[in-house]
Structures are given as C-alpha cells and as structure tokens.
Amino acid sequence: MTAVIYRPAKGATQAGRGKTKAWRLDLRSNGSREIEPLMGWTSTDDTSSQVQLSFDTKEEAIAFAEKKGIVYQVEEPAPDVQRAGLSYSDNFKSTRLGQWTH
C-alpha cells in the first residue's frame, strides 16, 4: 500500500481558498480492479483506497505515514498566482492601453 501526500488545489469554479490549507494523505490501492459484468462498473475488494486523511502540516502527514509504515510520495503544491484585481469599469477608462474591440 502506498500513499500520496499533497495539498488540494482550488477548484476552477471556486472563488475562495477554502479547504486548500490542510494537507491530505490519500491511500492508493495496489490491488487489482475488475469490471463488474452486469453494469460494467470498475470495482475492487480493497476499501483502503477510499481513505483520505487531513493534516494541518506536511510534517504531520509524513510522521503519520512513517509511524504506520506506509510508503509515501509527497507532491508539492504549485505556487499561487495572484491576479491583478480588475473591474468591469476598467474596460472603459480613457487610460486603457489597448483598443476597445466592440
């Protein structure tokens, strides 16, 4: 059994940064998956792949994985990009650099 330790990214449809501060440890199953013949769904007997644990810091998640003897991989988060705040009225400013297109 292996684990991935990461900090979740902000969703594309979210404006805020809620639930992106904590680090998450997700267990990955090494077991095989099989296709259920009636409905065609993918299934497995290993329920540990459904486990998701949250930690305040990356060090706490690493310490937990080492204490339990879980092989882990740490994925560092991408740096946050801060966009300049623009408003709709900025499109009509006389000091606008580009031409208004329509």
C-alpha atoms as a PDB file:
ATOM      1  CA  MET A   1       0.000   0.000   0.000  1.00  0.00           C
ATOM      2  CA  THR A   2       1.304   3.436  -0.922  1.00  0.00           C
ATOM      3  CA  ALA A   3       0.125   6.932  -0.076  1.00  0.00           C
ATOM      4  CA  VAL A   4       0.220  10.327  -1.732  1.00  0.00           C
ATOM      5  CA  ILE A   5       0.625  13.418   0.456  1.00  0.00           C
ATOM      6  CA  TYR A   6      -0.475  16.661  -1.164  1.00  0.00           C
ATOM      7  CA  ARG A   7      -2.287  19.936  -0.606  1.00  0.00           C
ATOM      8  CA  PRO A   8      -5.508  20.111  -2.664  1.00  0.00           C
ATOM      9  CA  ALA A   9      -5.736  22.846  -5.256  1.00  0.00           C
ATOM     10  CA  LYS A  10      -8.548  25.337  -5.529  1.00  0.00           C
ATOM     11  CA  GLY A  11     -11.297  24.182  -7.841  1.00  0.00           C
ATOM     12  CA  ALA A  12     -11.862  26.032 -11.102  1.00  0.00           C
ATOM     13  CA  THR A  13     -15.364  27.092 -10.093  1.00  0.00           C
ATOM     14  CA  GLN A  14     -14.392  28.330  -6.630  1.00  0.00           C
ATOM     15  CA  ALA A  15     -13.687  31.938  -5.848  1.00  0.00           C
ATOM     16  CA  GLY A  16     -12.286  31.360  -2.363  1.00  0.00           C
ATOM     17  CA  ARG A  17      -9.444  29.298  -0.980  1.00  0.00           C
ATOM     18  CA  GLY A  18     -11.487  27.238   1.474  1.00  0.00           C
ATOM     19  CA  LYS A  19     -10.311  23.680   2.210  1.00  0.00           C
ATOM     20  CA  THR A  20      -6.965  24.234   0.466  1.00  0.00           C
ATOM     21  CA  LYS A  21      -4.822  24.917   3.562  1.00  0.00           C
ATOM     22  CA  ALA A  22      -4.739  21.390   5.015  1.00  0.00           C
ATOM     23  CA  TRP A  23      -2.524  18.610   3.687  1.00  0.00           C
ATOM     24  CA  ARG A  24      -4.187  15.371   2.589  1.00  0.00           C
ATOM     25  CA  LEU A  25      -2.942  11.805   2.710  1.00  0.00           C
ATOM     26  CA  ASP A  26      -4.667   9.510   0.207  1.00  0.00           C
ATOM     27  CA  LEU A  27      -4.027   5.786   0.278  1.00  0.00           C
ATOM     28  CA  ARG A  28      -3.534   4.150  -3.111  1.00  0.00           C
ATOM     29  CA  SER A  29      -4.509   0.539  -3.601  1.00  0.00           C
ATOM     30  CA  ASN A  30      -2.069  -1.930  -5.084  1.00  0.00           C
ATOM     31  CA  GLY A  31      -4.839  -4.458  -5.626  1.00  0.00           C
ATOM     32  CA  SER A  32      -6.323  -5.267  -8.972  1.00  0.00           C
ATOM     33  CA  ARG A  33      -9.577  -3.812 -10.194  1.00  0.00           C
ATOM     34  CA  GLU A  34     -12.146  -5.796 -12.080  1.00  0.00           C
ATOM     35  CA  ILE A  35     -15.066  -4.862 -14.276  1.00  0.00           C
ATOM     36  CA  GLU A  36     -18.415  -5.892 -12.876  1.00  0.00           C
ATOM     37  CA  PRO A  37     -20.168  -7.856 -15.648  1.00  0.00           C
ATOM     38  CA  LEU A  38     -23.757  -6.667 -15.165  1.00  0.00           C
ATOM     39  CA  MET A  39     -23.331  -2.878 -15.047  1.00  0.00           C
ATOM     40  CA  GLY A  40     -19.752  -2.525 -16.309  1.00  0.00           C
ATOM     41  CA  TRP A  41     -18.549  -0.622 -13.243  1.00  0.00           C
ATOM     42  CA  THR A  42     -14.987  -0.931 -12.032  1.00  0.00           C
ATOM     43  CA  SER A  43     -14.745  -2.481  -8.575  1.00  0.00           C
ATOM     44  CA  THR A  44     -12.177  -3.672  -6.083  1.00  0.00           C
ATOM     45  CA  ASP A  45     -12.195  -5.598  -2.818  1.00  0.00           C
ATOM     46  CA  ASP A  46      -9.699  -3.202  -1.213  1.00  0.00           C
ATOM     47  CA  THR A  47     -11.569  -0.409   0.585  1.00  0.00           C
ATOM     48  CA  SER A  48      -8.393   1.321   1.786  1.00  0.00           C
ATOM     49  CA  SER A  49      -8.273   3.301  -1.474  1.00  0.00           C
ATOM     50  CA  GLN A  50     -11.261   5.277  -0.153  1.00  0.00           C
ATOM     51  CA  VAL A  51      -9.325   6.587   2.868  1.00  0.00           C
ATOM     52  CA  GLN A  52      -8.476  10.301   2.848  1.00  0.00           C
ATOM     53  CA  LEU A  53      -6.871  11.808   5.952  1.00  0.00           C
ATOM     54  CA  SER A  54      -6.345  15.537   6.567  1.00  0.00           C
ATOM     55  CA  PHE A  55      -3.433  17.088   8.475  1.00  0.00           C
ATOM     56  CA  ASP A  56      -2.563  20.660   9.379  1.00  0.00           C
ATOM     57  CA  THR A  57       1.022  20.388   8.129  1.00  0.00           C
ATOM     58  CA  LYS A  58       3.013  18.307   5.694  1.00  0.00           C
ATOM     59  CA  GLU A  59       5.304  17.155   8.512  1.00  0.00           C
ATOM     60  CA  GLU A  60       2.346  15.711  10.452  1.00  0.00           C
ATOM     61  CA  ALA A  61       1.248  13.711   7.404  1.00  0.00           C
ATOM     62  CA  ILE A  62       4.772  12.404   6.820  1.00  0.00           C
ATOM     63  CA  ALA A  63       5.145  11.470  10.507  1.00  0.00           C
ATOM     64  CA  PHE A  64       1.841   9.557  10.405  1.00  0.00           C
ATOM     65  CA  ALA A  65       2.877   7.632   7.275  1.00  0.00           C
ATOM     66  CA  GLU A  66       6.270   6.741   8.753  1.00  0.00           C
ATOM     67  CA  LYS A  67       4.706   5.688  12.075  1.00  0.00           C
ATOM     68  CA  LYS A  68       2.283   3.345  10.286  1.00  0.00           C
ATOM     69  CA  GLY A  69       4.953   2.037   7.895  1.00  0.00           C
ATOM     70  CA  ILE A  70       3.246   3.375   4.781  1.00  0.00           C
ATOM     71  CA  VAL A  71       5.351   4.118   1.709  1.00  0.00           C
ATOM     72  CA  TYR A  72       4.519   7.667   0.660  1.00  0.00           C
ATOM     73  CA  GLN A  73       5.172  10.208  -2.043  1.00  0.00           C
ATOM     74  CA  VAL A  74       4.944  13.963  -1.408  1.00  0.00           C
ATOM     75  CA  GLU A  75       3.548  16.229  -4.135  1.00  0.00           C
ATOM     76  CA  GLU A  76       4.440  19.863  -3.540  1.00  0.00           C
ATOM     77  CA  PRO A  77       1.730  22.399  -4.426  1.00  0.00           C
ATOM     78  CA  ALA A  78       2.186  24.735  -7.365  1.00  0.00           C
ATOM     79  CA  PRO A  79       2.883  28.341  -6.373  1.00  0.00           C
ATOM     80  CA  ASP A  80      -0.181  30.553  -6.092  1.00  0.00           C
ATOM     81  CA  VAL A  81      -0.551  33.101  -8.865  1.00  0.00           C
ATOM     82  CA  GLN A  82      -2.000  36.420  -7.758  1.00  0.00           C
ATOM     83  CA  ARG A  83      -4.010  38.139 -10.460  1.00  0.00           C
ATOM     84  CA  ALA A  84      -4.480  41.877 -10.557  1.00  0.00           C
ATOM     85  CA  GLY A  85      -7.970  42.862  -9.491  1.00  0.00           C
ATOM     86  CA  LEU A  86      -9.775  44.399 -12.437  1.00  0.00           C
ATOM     87  CA  SER A  87     -13.296  45.653 -12.541  1.00  0.00           C
ATOM     88  CA  TYR A  88     -15.752  45.973 -15.398  1.00  0.00           C
ATOM     89  CA  SER A  89     -15.350  49.754 -15.426  1.00  0.00           C
ATOM     90  CA  ASP A  90     -11.640  49.352 -16.247  1.00  0.00           C
ATOM     91  CA  ASN A  91     -12.717  48.418 -19.800  1.00  0.00           C
ATOM     92  CA  PHE A  92     -13.919  51.987 -20.382  1.00  0.00           C
ATOM     93  CA  LYS A  93     -11.059  54.006 -18.871  1.00  0.00           C
ATOM     94  CA  SER A  94      -9.509  56.692 -21.019  1.00  0.00           C
ATOM     95  CA  THR A  95      -6.053  55.452 -19.953  1.00  0.00           C
ATOM     96  CA  ARG A  96      -6.701  51.957 -21.308  1.00  0.00           C
ATOM     97  CA  LEU A  97      -3.654  50.666 -23.215  1.00  0.00           C
ATOM     98  CA  GLY A  98      -5.424  48.513 -25.780  1.00  0.00           C
ATOM     99  CA  GLN A  99      -8.300  49.382 -28.118  1.00  0.00           C
ATOM    100  CA  TRP A 100     -11.851  48.506 -27.163  1.00  0.00           C
ATOM    101  CA  THR A 101     -12.758  45.715 -29.588  1.00  0.00           C
ATOM    102  CA  HIS A 102     -16.507  46.067 -29.884  1.00  0.00           C
END
